C-alpha atoms as a PDB file:
ATOM      1  CA  UNK A   1     -17.559  -8.462 -25.566  1.00  0.00           C
ATOM      2  CA  UNK A   2     -18.141 -11.455 -23.834  1.00  0.00           C
ATOM      3  CA  UNK A   3     -17.136 -11.977 -20.130  1.00  0.00           C
ATOM      4  CA  UNK A   4     -15.890 -15.526 -19.202  1.00  0.00           C
ATOM      5  CA  UNK A   5     -14.738 -17.066 -15.972  1.00  0.00           C
ATOM      6  CA  UNK A   6     -10.801 -17.008 -16.070  1.00  0.00           C
ATOM      7  CA  UNK A   7     -11.057 -20.328 -14.131  1.00  0.00           C
ATOM      8  CA  UNK A   8     -12.531 -21.727 -17.326  1.00  0.00           C
ATOM      9  CA  UNK A   9      -8.769 -20.853 -19.410  1.00  0.00           C
ATOM     10  CA  UNK A  10      -5.427 -22.716 -19.677  1.00  0.00           C
ATOM     11  CA  UNK A  11      -2.519 -21.663 -18.234  1.00  0.00           C
ATOM     12  CA  UNK A  12      -1.146 -20.126 -21.777  1.00  0.00           C
ATOM     13  CA  UNK A  13      -3.594 -17.937 -22.127  1.00  0.00           C
ATOM     14  CA  UNK A  14      -3.541 -16.238 -18.669  1.00  0.00           C
ATOM     15  CA  UNK A  15       0.310 -16.255 -18.542  1.00  0.00           C
ATOM     16  CA  UNK A  16       0.623 -13.115 -21.125  1.00  0.00           C
ATOM     17  CA  UNK A  17      -1.968 -11.133 -18.628  1.00  0.00           C
ATOM     18  CA  UNK A  18       0.483 -11.676 -15.694  1.00  0.00           C
ATOM     19  CA  UNK A  19       3.440 -11.013 -17.921  1.00  0.00           C
ATOM     20  CA  UNK A  20       2.266  -7.304 -19.039  1.00  0.00           C
ATOM     21  CA  UNK A  21       1.600  -6.435 -15.315  1.00  0.00           C
ATOM     22  CA  UNK A  22       4.669  -7.700 -14.242  1.00  0.00           C
ATOM     23  CA  UNK A  23       6.768  -5.350 -16.963  1.00  0.00           C
ATOM     24  CA  UNK A  24       4.634  -2.442 -15.968  1.00  0.00           C
ATOM     25  CA  UNK A  25       5.364  -2.751 -12.109  1.00  0.00           C
ATOM     26  CA  UNK A  26       9.284  -3.699 -12.912  1.00  0.00           C
ATOM     27  CA  UNK A  27       9.739  -1.161 -15.326  1.00  0.00           C
ATOM     28  CA  UNK A  28       8.329   1.938 -13.303  1.00  0.00           C
ATOM     29  CA  UNK A  29       8.465   0.871  -9.737  1.00  0.00           C
ATOM     30  CA  UNK A  30      11.298  -1.779  -9.661  1.00  0.00           C
ATOM     31  CA  UNK A  31       8.621  -4.253  -8.038  1.00  0.00           C
ATOM     32  CA  UNK A  32       8.983  -7.784  -9.398  1.00  0.00           C
ATOM     33  CA  UNK A  33       5.518  -9.450  -9.063  1.00  0.00           C
ATOM     34  CA  UNK A  34       6.251 -12.609 -10.282  1.00  0.00           C
ATOM     35  CA  UNK A  35       6.211 -14.473  -6.842  1.00  0.00           C
ATOM     36  CA  UNK A  36       2.861 -12.820  -6.398  1.00  0.00           C
ATOM     37  CA  UNK A  37       1.545 -14.214  -9.738  1.00  0.00           C
ATOM     38  CA  UNK A  38       2.331 -17.700  -8.928  1.00  0.00           C
ATOM     39  CA  UNK A  39       0.378 -17.731  -5.869  1.00  0.00           C
ATOM     40  CA  UNK A  40      -2.604 -16.120  -7.735  1.00  0.00           C
ATOM     41  CA  UNK A  41      -2.123 -18.680 -10.481  1.00  0.00           C
ATOM     42  CA  UNK A  42      -2.038 -21.515  -8.140  1.00  0.00           C
ATOM     43  CA  UNK A  43      -5.571 -20.418  -6.610  1.00  0.00           C
ATOM     44  CA  UNK A  44      -6.996 -19.799  -9.976  1.00  0.00           C
ATOM     45  CA  UNK A  45      -6.221 -23.302 -11.158  1.00  0.00           C
ATOM     46  CA  UNK A  46      -7.897 -24.626  -7.966  1.00  0.00           C
ATOM     47  CA  UNK A  47     -10.855 -22.773  -8.245  1.00  0.00           C
ATOM     48  CA  UNK A  48     -10.372 -20.846  -5.438  1.00  0.00           C
ATOM     49  CA  UNK A  49      -9.820 -17.352  -6.745  1.00  0.00           C
ATOM     50  CA  UNK A  50     -12.779 -15.877  -9.146  1.00  0.00           C
ATOM     51  CA  UNK A  51     -11.990 -13.703 -11.733  1.00  0.00           C
ATOM     52  CA  UNK A  52     -12.949 -12.840 -15.358  1.00  0.00           C
ATOM     53  CA  UNK A  53     -11.641 -11.969 -18.577  1.00  0.00           C
ATOM     54  CA  UNK A  54     -13.403  -9.828 -21.315  1.00  0.00           C
ATOM     55  CA  UNK A  55     -13.146 -11.450 -24.937  1.00  0.00           C
ATOM     56  CA  UNK A  56     -13.792  -9.729 -28.557  1.00  0.00           C
ATOM     57  CA  UNK A  57     -15.691 -11.090 -31.147  1.00  0.00           C
ATOM     58  CA  UNK A  58     -12.440 -12.729 -32.506  1.00  0.00           C
ATOM     59  CA  UNK A  59     -11.707 -14.348 -29.282  1.00  0.00           C
ATOM     60  CA  UNK A  60      -8.824 -12.039 -28.308  1.00  0.00           C
ATOM     61  CA  UNK A  61      -8.654 -10.701 -24.669  1.00  0.00           C
ATOM     62  CA  UNK A  62      -9.898  -6.825 -24.074  1.00  0.00           C
ATOM     63  CA  UNK A  63      -9.516  -7.073 -20.351  1.00  0.00           C
ATOM     64  CA  UNK A  64      -9.441  -8.773 -17.239  1.00  0.00           C
ATOM     65  CA  UNK A  65      -9.788  -8.997 -13.550  1.00  0.00           C
ATOM     66  CA  UNK A  66      -9.863 -11.034 -10.373  1.00  0.00           C
ATOM     67  CA  UNK A  67     -11.202 -10.570  -6.717  1.00  0.00           C
ATOM     68  CA  UNK A  68     -11.388 -12.307  -3.379  1.00  0.00           C
ATOM     69  CA  UNK A  69     -13.803 -11.577  -0.511  1.00  0.00           C
ATOM     70  CA  UNK A  70     -12.489 -11.466   2.807  1.00  0.00           C
ATOM     71  CA  UNK A  71     -15.306 -11.373   5.533  1.00  0.00           C
ATOM     72  CA  UNK A  72     -17.463  -8.362   4.304  1.00  0.00           C
ATOM     73  CA  UNK A  73     -14.812  -6.888   2.196  1.00  0.00           C
ATOM     74  CA  UNK A  74     -14.438  -7.823  -1.825  1.00  0.00           C
ATOM     75  CA  UNK A  75     -10.860  -6.819  -2.866  1.00  0.00           C
ATOM     76  CA  UNK A  76     -10.430  -6.398  -6.379  1.00  0.00           C
ATOM     77  CA  UNK A  77      -6.858  -7.769  -7.366  1.00  0.00           C
ATOM     78  CA  UNK A  78      -6.464  -6.453 -10.888  1.00  0.00           C
ATOM     79  CA  UNK A  79      -8.841  -4.470 -13.070  1.00  0.00           C
ATOM     80  CA  UNK A  80      -7.248  -3.889 -16.554  1.00  0.00           C
ATOM     81  CA  UNK A  81      -8.563  -3.297 -19.989  1.00  0.00           C
ATOM     82  CA  UNK A  82      -7.855  -1.940 -23.480  1.00  0.00           C
ATOM     83  CA  UNK A  83     -10.494   0.724 -23.267  1.00  0.00           C
ATOM     84  CA  UNK A  84     -13.465   1.898 -21.422  1.00  0.00           C
ATOM     85  CA  UNK A  85     -15.988  -0.380 -22.412  1.00  0.00           C
ATOM     86  CA  UNK A  86     -14.185  -3.873 -21.650  1.00  0.00           C
ATOM     87  CA  UNK A  87     -13.280  -2.306 -17.866  1.00  0.00           C
ATOM     88  CA  UNK A  88     -16.843  -0.952 -17.428  1.00  0.00           C
ATOM     89  CA  UNK A  89     -18.272  -4.718 -18.255  1.00  0.00           C
ATOM     90  CA  UNK A  90     -15.620  -6.327 -15.893  1.00  0.00           C
ATOM     91  CA  UNK A  91     -16.783  -3.952 -13.293  1.00  0.00           C
ATOM     92  CA  UNK A  92     -20.395  -4.371 -13.755  1.00  0.00           C
ATOM     93  CA  UNK A  93     -19.740  -8.683 -13.626  1.00  0.00           C
ATOM     94  CA  UNK A  94     -17.942  -8.029 -10.502  1.00  0.00           C
ATOM     95  CA  UNK A  95     -20.834  -5.930  -8.953  1.00  0.00           C
ATOM     96  CA  UNK A  96     -23.373  -8.687 -10.077  1.00  0.00           C
ATOM     97  CA  UNK A  97     -21.207 -11.679  -8.942  1.00  0.00           C
ATOM     98  CA  UNK A  98     -22.119 -13.917  -5.768  1.00  0.00           C
ATOM     99  CA  UNK A  99     -19.211 -12.876  -3.971  1.00  0.00           C
ATOM    100  CA  UNK A 100     -20.422  -9.129  -4.212  1.00  0.00           C
ATOM    101  CA  UNK A 101     -23.661  -9.812  -3.070  1.00  0.00           C
ATOM    102  CA  UNK A 102     -22.397 -10.584   0.262  1.00  0.00           C
ATOM    103  CA  UNK A 103     -19.736  -7.921   0.572  1.00  0.00           C
ATOM    104  CA  UNK A 104     -20.427  -4.519   2.566  1.00  0.00           C
ATOM    105  CA  UNK A 105     -17.296  -2.879   0.754  1.00  0.00           C
ATOM    106  CA  UNK A 106     -15.540  -3.253  -2.351  1.00  0.00           C
ATOM    107  CA  UNK A 107     -11.854  -2.091  -2.520  1.00  0.00           C
ATOM    108  CA  UNK A 108      -9.224  -1.843  -5.360  1.00  0.00           C
ATOM    109  CA  UNK A 109      -5.785  -1.185  -5.611  1.00  0.00           C
ATOM    110  CA  UNK A 110      -4.953   0.052  -8.868  1.00  0.00           C
ATOM    111  CA  UNK A 111      -1.572   0.050 -11.275  1.00  0.00           C
ATOM    112  CA  UNK A 112      -0.972   1.575 -13.684  1.00  0.00           C
ATOM    113  CA  UNK A 113      -3.959   3.754 -12.781  1.00  0.00           C
ATOM    114  CA  UNK A 114      -5.210   4.129 -16.632  1.00  0.00           C
ATOM    115  CA  UNK A 115      -7.925   6.642 -17.351  1.00  0.00           C
ATOM    116  CA  UNK A 116     -10.387   4.161 -18.330  1.00  0.00           C
ATOM    117  CA  UNK A 117     -10.310   2.179 -15.212  1.00  0.00           C
ATOM    118  CA  UNK A 118     -10.558   5.515 -13.187  1.00  0.00           C
ATOM    119  CA  UNK A 119     -13.621   6.564 -15.031  1.00  0.00           C
ATOM    120  CA  UNK A 120     -15.394   3.139 -14.556  1.00  0.00           C
ATOM    121  CA  UNK A 121     -14.744   3.284 -11.066  1.00  0.00           C
ATOM    122  CA  UNK A 122     -15.790   6.854 -10.566  1.00  0.00           C
ATOM    123  CA  UNK A 123     -19.253   5.989 -12.479  1.00  0.00           C
ATOM    124  CA  UNK A 124     -19.756   3.176 -10.141  1.00  0.00           C
ATOM    125  CA  UNK A 125     -19.321   5.702  -6.966  1.00  0.00           C
ATOM    126  CA  UNK A 126     -15.849   4.392  -6.100  1.00  0.00           C
ATOM    127  CA  UNK A 127     -13.955   6.745  -3.942  1.00  0.00           C
ATOM    128  CA  UNK A 128     -10.276   7.376  -5.415  1.00  0.00           C
ATOM    129  CA  UNK A 129      -7.437   7.714  -2.952  1.00  0.00           C
ATOM    130  CA  UNK A 130      -3.936   8.373  -4.778  1.00  0.00           C
ATOM    131  CA  UNK A 131      -0.899   6.749  -3.170  1.00  0.00           C
ATOM    132  CA  UNK A 132       2.365   8.351  -3.883  1.00  0.00           C
ATOM    133  CA  UNK A 133       5.279   5.904  -4.672  1.00  0.00           C
ATOM    134  CA  UNK A 134       8.590   7.476  -3.688  1.00  0.00           C
ATOM    135  CA  UNK A 135      12.008   6.055  -4.036  1.00  0.00           C
ATOM    136  CA  UNK A 136      15.832   7.071  -3.564  1.00  0.00           C
ATOM    137  CA  UNK A 137      19.104   5.989  -4.076  1.00  0.00           C
ATOM    138  CA  UNK A 138      21.161   4.241  -1.256  1.00  0.00           C
ATOM    139  CA  UNK A 139      24.387   5.249  -2.734  1.00  0.00           C
ATOM    140  CA  UNK A 140      26.004   7.020  -0.047  1.00  0.00           C
ATOM    141  CA  UNK A 141      22.941   7.400   2.474  1.00  0.00           C
ATOM    142  CA  UNK A 142      22.425   7.239   5.174  1.00  0.00           C
ATOM    143  CA  UNK A 143      26.080   7.294   6.223  1.00  0.00           C
ATOM    144  CA  UNK A 144      27.606   5.612   9.237  1.00  0.00           C
ATOM    145  CA  UNK A 145      26.306   8.595  11.644  1.00  0.00           C
ATOM    146  CA  UNK A 146      23.288   9.867   9.910  1.00  0.00           C
ATOM    147  CA  UNK A 147      20.574   8.444  11.756  1.00  0.00           C
ATOM    148  CA  UNK A 148      19.080  10.827  14.239  1.00  0.00           C
ATOM    149  CA  UNK A 149      19.942   9.800  17.924  1.00  0.00           C
ATOM    150  CA  UNK A 150      16.814   8.536  19.815  1.00  0.00           C
ATOM    151  CA  UNK A 151      16.447  10.455  22.913  1.00  0.00           C
ATOM    152  CA  UNK A 152      15.340   8.952  26.443  1.00  0.00           C
ATOM    153  CA  UNK A 153      13.174   7.004  26.981  1.00  0.00           C
ATOM    154  CA  UNK A 154      13.355   5.291  23.500  1.00  0.00           C
ATOM    155  CA  UNK A 155      15.767   2.272  22.477  1.00  0.00           C
ATOM    156  CA  UNK A 156      15.845   0.589  19.190  1.00  0.00           C
ATOM    157  CA  UNK A 157      16.329  -3.158  18.224  1.00  0.00           C
ATOM    158  CA  UNK A 158      15.522  -5.625  15.613  1.00  0.00           C
ATOM    159  CA  UNK A 159      11.798  -6.250  15.214  1.00  0.00           C
ATOM    160  CA  UNK A 160      10.639 -10.095  15.793  1.00  0.00           C
ATOM    161  CA  UNK A 161       7.509 -11.791  15.142  1.00  0.00           C
ATOM    162  CA  UNK A 162       6.939 -11.772  19.284  1.00  0.00           C
ATOM    163  CA  UNK A 163       6.316  -8.031  18.596  1.00  0.00           C
ATOM    164  CA  UNK A 164       3.420  -8.447  16.100  1.00  0.00           C
ATOM    165  CA  UNK A 165       0.594  -8.392  18.578  1.00  0.00           C
ATOM    166  CA  UNK A 166       1.829  -5.038  20.084  1.00  0.00           C
ATOM    167  CA  UNK A 167       2.195  -3.566  16.632  1.00  0.00           C
ATOM    168  CA  UNK A 168      -1.067  -4.555  15.484  1.00  0.00           C
ATOM    169  CA  UNK A 169      -2.464  -2.441  18.271  1.00  0.00           C
ATOM    170  CA  UNK A 170      -0.046   0.332  17.490  1.00  0.00           C
ATOM    171  CA  UNK A 171      -1.300   0.472  13.910  1.00  0.00           C
ATOM    172  CA  UNK A 172      -4.771   0.503  15.068  1.00  0.00           C
ATOM    173  CA  UNK A 173      -3.725   3.783  17.150  1.00  0.00           C
ATOM    174  CA  UNK A 174      -1.740   5.286  14.494  1.00  0.00           C
ATOM    175  CA  UNK A 175      -4.489   5.100  11.751  1.00  0.00           C
ATOM    176  CA  UNK A 176      -7.399   5.649  13.941  1.00  0.00           C
ATOM    177  CA  UNK A 177      -7.823   9.246  13.049  1.00  0.00           C
ATOM    178  CA  UNK A 178      -6.976   9.007   9.404  1.00  0.00           C
ATOM    179  CA  UNK A 179      -8.546   7.815   6.245  1.00  0.00           C
ATOM    180  CA  UNK A 180      -5.264   6.711   5.093  1.00  0.00           C
ATOM    181  CA  UNK A 181      -5.704   3.384   6.759  1.00  0.00           C
ATOM    182  CA  UNK A 182      -8.667   2.271   4.458  1.00  0.00           C
ATOM    183  CA  UNK A 183      -6.175   1.035   1.740  1.00  0.00           C
ATOM    184  CA  UNK A 184      -4.559  -1.274   4.374  1.00  0.00           C
ATOM    185  CA  UNK A 185      -7.402  -2.099   7.165  1.00  0.00           C
ATOM    186  CA  UNK A 186     -10.591  -1.182   5.702  1.00  0.00           C
ATOM    187  CA  UNK A 187     -12.483  -0.485   9.227  1.00  0.00           C
ATOM    188  CA  UNK A 188      -9.751  -0.412  11.193  1.00  0.00           C
ATOM    189  CA  UNK A 189     -10.158  -3.718  13.108  1.00  0.00           C
ATOM    190  CA  UNK A 190      -7.533  -5.355  15.120  1.00  0.00           C
ATOM    191  CA  UNK A 191      -8.479  -8.511  12.719  1.00  0.00           C
ATOM    192  CA  UNK A 192      -7.936  -6.386   9.817  1.00  0.00           C
ATOM    193  CA  UNK A 193      -4.850  -4.984  10.946  1.00  0.00           C
ATOM    194  CA  UNK A 194      -3.471  -8.531  12.134  1.00  0.00           C
ATOM    195  CA  UNK A 195      -4.247  -9.767   8.462  1.00  0.00           C
ATOM    196  CA  UNK A 196      -2.256  -6.752   7.085  1.00  0.00           C
ATOM    197  CA  UNK A 197       0.750  -7.539   9.258  1.00  0.00           C
ATOM    198  CA  UNK A 198       0.573 -11.093   8.474  1.00  0.00           C
ATOM    199  CA  UNK A 199       0.696 -10.595   4.480  1.00  0.00           C
ATOM    200  CA  UNK A 200       3.459  -8.496   4.660  1.00  0.00           C
ATOM    201  CA  UNK A 201       5.583 -11.088   7.185  1.00  0.00           C
ATOM    202  CA  UNK A 202       4.186 -14.256   5.622  1.00  0.00           C
ATOM    203  CA  UNK A 203       3.141 -13.650   1.832  1.00  0.00           C
ATOM    204  CA  UNK A 204       4.741 -12.168  -1.290  1.00  0.00           C
ATOM    205  CA  UNK A 205       2.030  -9.691  -1.324  1.00  0.00           C
ATOM    206  CA  UNK A 206       4.513  -6.609  -0.273  1.00  0.00           C
ATOM    207  CA  UNK A 207       7.765  -8.701  -1.396  1.00  0.00           C
ATOM    208  CA  UNK A 208      10.066 -10.789   0.687  1.00  0.00           C
ATOM    209  CA  UNK A 209      10.513  -9.861   4.431  1.00  0.00           C
ATOM    210  CA  UNK A 210      14.249  -8.373   4.986  1.00  0.00           C
ATOM    211  CA  UNK A 211      14.312  -9.406   8.747  1.00  0.00           C
ATOM    212  CA  UNK A 212      17.617  -7.783   9.183  1.00  0.00           C
ATOM    213  CA  UNK A 213      16.007  -4.213   8.271  1.00  0.00           C
ATOM    214  CA  UNK A 214      13.158  -4.445  10.263  1.00  0.00           C
ATOM    215  CA  UNK A 215      13.313  -2.645  13.427  1.00  0.00           C
ATOM    216  CA  UNK A 216      11.122  -1.413  16.545  1.00  0.00           C
ATOM    217  CA  UNK A 217      11.620   1.462  18.849  1.00  0.00           C
ATOM    218  CA  UNK A 218      10.291   0.916  22.305  1.00  0.00           C
ATOM    219  CA  UNK A 219       9.880   2.758  25.718  1.00  0.00           C
ATOM    220  CA  UNK A 220      12.971   1.885  27.353  1.00  0.00           C
ATOM    221  CA  UNK A 221      11.281   0.766  30.985  1.00  0.00           C
ATOM    222  CA  UNK A 222       7.849  -0.384  29.933  1.00  0.00           C
ATOM    223  CA  UNK A 223       9.010  -1.948  26.577  1.00  0.00           C
ATOM    224  CA  UNK A 224       5.866  -0.655  24.922  1.00  0.00           C
ATOM    225  CA  UNK A 225       6.501  -0.166  20.993  1.00  0.00           C
ATOM    226  CA  UNK A 226       6.683   3.556  20.205  1.00  0.00           C
ATOM    227  CA  UNK A 227       7.195   2.592  16.603  1.00  0.00           C
ATOM    228  CA  UNK A 228       8.532   0.252  13.857  1.00  0.00           C
ATOM    229  CA  UNK A 229       9.347  -0.323  10.456  1.00  0.00           C
ATOM    230  CA  UNK A 230       9.039  -3.690   8.395  1.00  0.00           C
ATOM    231  CA  UNK A 231      11.303  -3.784   4.977  1.00  0.00           C
ATOM    232  CA  UNK A 232      10.752  -5.919   2.142  1.00  0.00           C
ATOM    233  CA  UNK A 233      12.882  -6.982  -0.987  1.00  0.00           C
ATOM    234  CA  UNK A 234      10.421  -6.245  -3.872  1.00  0.00           C
ATOM    235  CA  UNK A 235      12.930  -6.599  -6.866  1.00  0.00           C
ATOM    236  CA  UNK A 236      16.676  -6.931  -7.709  1.00  0.00           C
ATOM    237  CA  UNK A 237      18.560  -4.362  -5.650  1.00  0.00           C
ATOM    238  CA  UNK A 238      15.484  -2.596  -4.430  1.00  0.00           C
ATOM    239  CA  UNK A 239      14.204  -2.498  -0.882  1.00  0.00           C
ATOM    240  CA  UNK A 240      10.586  -1.445   0.060  1.00  0.00           C
ATOM    241  CA  UNK A 241       9.371   0.324   3.494  1.00  0.00           C
ATOM    242  CA  UNK A 242       6.223  -2.101   3.618  1.00  0.00           C
ATOM    243  CA  UNK A 243       5.155  -0.515   6.888  1.00  0.00           C
ATOM    244  CA  UNK A 244       6.237   2.397   9.084  1.00  0.00           C
ATOM    245  CA  UNK A 245       3.975   3.706  12.047  1.00  0.00           C
ATOM    246  CA  UNK A 246       4.713   5.702  15.181  1.00  0.00           C
ATOM    247  CA  UNK A 247       2.641   5.480  18.242  1.00  0.00           C
ATOM    248  CA  UNK A 248       0.377   8.961  18.084  1.00  0.00           C
ATOM    249  CA  UNK A 249       1.431   9.497  21.737  1.00  0.00           C
ATOM    250  CA  UNK A 250       5.244   9.765  20.640  1.00  0.00           C
ATOM    251  CA  UNK A 251       5.153  11.994  17.475  1.00  0.00           C
ATOM    252  CA  UNK A 252       7.683  14.594  16.479  1.00  0.00           C
ATOM    253  CA  UNK A 253      10.164  12.814  18.604  1.00  0.00           C
ATOM    254  CA  UNK A 254      12.433  11.740  15.455  1.00  0.00           C
ATOM    255  CA  UNK A 255      11.254   8.032  15.730  1.00  0.00           C
ATOM    256  CA  UNK A 256       9.849   7.919  12.217  1.00  0.00           C
ATOM    257  CA  UNK A 257      13.168   9.362  10.677  1.00  0.00           C
ATOM    258  CA  UNK A 258      15.281   7.100  13.029  1.00  0.00           C
ATOM    259  CA  UNK A 259      13.342   3.881  11.849  1.00  0.00           C
ATOM    260  CA  UNK A 260      13.782   4.981   8.184  1.00  0.00           C
ATOM    261  CA  UNK A 261      17.558   5.645   8.533  1.00  0.00           C
ATOM    262  CA  UNK A 262      17.884   2.021  10.337  1.00  0.00           C
ATOM    263  CA  UNK A 263      15.922   0.277   7.848  1.00  0.00           C
ATOM    264  CA  UNK A 264      18.064   1.872   4.669  1.00  0.00           C
ATOM    265  CA  UNK A 265      21.347   1.258   6.586  1.00  0.00           C
ATOM    266  CA  UNK A 266      20.353  -2.287   6.761  1.00  0.00           C
ATOM    267  CA  UNK A 267      19.020  -2.845   3.561  1.00  0.00           C
ATOM    268  CA  UNK A 268      21.914  -1.088   2.152  1.00  0.00           C
ATOM    269  CA  UNK A 269      24.560  -3.708   3.989  1.00  0.00           C
ATOM    270  CA  UNK A 270      22.103  -6.577   2.646  1.00  0.00           C
ATOM    271  CA  UNK A 271      22.915  -5.438  -1.234  1.00  0.00           C
ATOM    272  CA  UNK A 272      20.149  -3.137  -1.762  1.00  0.00           C
ATOM    273  CA  UNK A 273      20.882   0.032  -3.681  1.00  0.00           C
ATOM    274  CA  UNK A 274      17.754   1.527  -3.717  1.00  0.00           C
ATOM    275  CA  UNK A 275      14.628   1.903  -1.169  1.00  0.00           C
ATOM    276  CA  UNK A 276      11.153   3.058  -1.843  1.00  0.00           C
ATOM    277  CA  UNK A 277       8.076   4.019  -0.135  1.00  0.00           C
ATOM    278  CA  UNK A 278       4.395   4.050  -0.563  1.00  0.00           C
ATOM    279  CA  UNK A 279       2.269   6.817   1.107  1.00  0.00           C
ATOM    280  CA  UNK A 280      -1.104   8.388   0.713  1.00  0.00           C
ATOM    281  CA  UNK A 281      -1.310  11.727  -0.874  1.00  0.00           C
ATOM    282  CA  UNK A 282      -2.754  13.314   2.375  1.00  0.00           C
ATOM    283  CA  UNK A 283      -0.058  12.023   4.855  1.00  0.00           C
ATOM    284  CA  UNK A 284       1.453  15.236   5.407  1.00  0.00           C
ATOM    285  CA  UNK A 285       3.967  13.605   8.025  1.00  0.00           C
ATOM    286  CA  UNK A 286       4.910  11.163   5.660  1.00  0.00           C
ATOM    287  CA  UNK A 287       5.274  13.795   2.756  1.00  0.00           C
ATOM    288  CA  UNK A 288       7.596  15.945   5.241  1.00  0.00           C
ATOM    289  CA  UNK A 289       9.662  12.700   5.952  1.00  0.00           C
ATOM    290  CA  UNK A 290      10.175  11.629   2.262  1.00  0.00           C
ATOM    291  CA  UNK A 291      10.982  15.260   0.926  1.00  0.00           C
ATOM    292  CA  UNK A 292      13.771  16.065   3.824  1.00  0.00           C
ATOM    293  CA  UNK A 293      15.426  12.376   3.136  1.00  0.00           C
ATOM    294  CA  UNK A 294      15.631  13.210  -0.700  1.00  0.00           C
ATOM    295  CA  UNK A 295      13.003  10.572  -1.701  1.00  0.00           C
ATOM    296  CA  UNK A 296      11.516  11.610  -5.323  1.00  0.00           C
ATOM    297  CA  UNK A 297       8.063  10.428  -6.700  1.00  0.00           C
ATOM    298  CA  UNK A 298       8.439   7.711  -9.424  1.00  0.00           C
ATOM    299  CA  UNK A 299       4.599   6.320  -9.659  1.00  0.00           C
ATOM    300  CA  UNK A 300       1.220   6.621  -8.388  1.00  0.00           C
ATOM    301  CA  UNK A 301      -0.856   3.713  -7.305  1.00  0.00           C
ATOM    302  CA  UNK A 302      -4.783   4.406  -6.693  1.00  0.00           C
ATOM    303  CA  UNK A 303      -6.666   2.924  -3.672  1.00  0.00           C
ATOM    304  CA  UNK A 304     -10.567   2.899  -4.734  1.00  0.00           C
ATOM    305  CA  UNK A 305     -13.172   1.755  -2.321  1.00  0.00           C
ATOM    306  CA  UNK A 306     -16.852   2.088  -1.925  1.00  0.00           C
ATOM    307  CA  UNK A 307     -19.728   0.595   0.483  1.00  0.00           C
ATOM    308  CA  UNK A 308     -22.231  -1.738  -1.165  1.00  0.00           C
ATOM    309  CA  UNK A 309     -25.439  -2.701   0.585  1.00  0.00           C
ATOM    310  CA  UNK A 310     -25.872  -6.441   1.403  1.00  0.00           C
ATOM    311  CA  UNK A 311     -28.245  -8.335  -0.829  1.00  0.00           C
ATOM    312  CA  UNK A 312     -30.244 -10.249   1.104  1.00  0.00           C
ATOM    313  CA  UNK A 313     -32.356 -13.122  -0.595  1.00  0.00           C
ATOM    314  CA  UNK A 314     -35.823 -12.900  -0.023  1.00  0.00           C
ATOM    315  CA  UNK A 315     -37.350 -16.105   1.319  1.00  0.00           C
ATOM    316  CA  UNK A 316     -40.879 -17.298  -0.035  1.00  0.00           C
ATOM    317  CA  UNK A 317     -43.566 -16.771   2.149  1.00  0.00           C
ATOM    318  CA  UNK A 318     -45.203 -19.976   3.477  1.00  0.00           C
ATOM    319  CA  UNK A 319     -48.986 -21.052   2.500  1.00  0.00           C
ATOM    320  CA  UNK A 320     -51.122 -20.634   5.666  1.00  0.00           C
END
């Protein structure tokens, strides 16, 4: 096997790699990645996005990956291969890259979670956190009067970008005591939460924002946010709850359930016939909510992470 920088490849060589991933996500999850791949391809052609392919002796491709460092976190955007050998080779090449040399943490969102990739990540001491992808039909649900009524002192309204600052702080509080937030904001900083929120709102990473299906619940007197939901369109007829959060001070007040119902009704009136949600295996509150509302698991996405000591260059000692 030979590892080659993917920025040296022509568009025709890379297109089948995107197409394979697009089919996998669309067939199983109803998620259309074509918009995301267009952004990736522009960055690759511009030389701004590092990545690699593994070639067999006959020149055919056995695997591929790309990655991007944000601050001290190296995010692996894809890790795919036809077997354990190519995947291990790609992972080793990432770990030896200049980008990894300055990173303190590596993360990877893996779908489909093939055994060869999971094995390679485990061998290199990655912590694997399964994320359940659940879905349900919007046919007849929720009904006109199905949403639970918010009790005082809470009111719901449409979410706007003016709410972003308050929601970033709410996210930091909501995930402060749970490891689940590592998949979204590795260190739980306000900057990371702001980047996460910005990706949902302004990029196709989680689909296209459905503004009519984004809501905020706030405390009536102080106007402080108590919870919010951001909903995106990820494929034909499919809406996705890209972010749902409730302030830990206001849990068990029906806020999360109310937000899901509001988002589902608005998405349905906008043409969606299906709604999906991604949640960590160990998020008991989300599991209870999804089960109570009839969501069923349709796939699993694995978040992998590991810490990595920063490699410092040793400066030669000057002669006396």
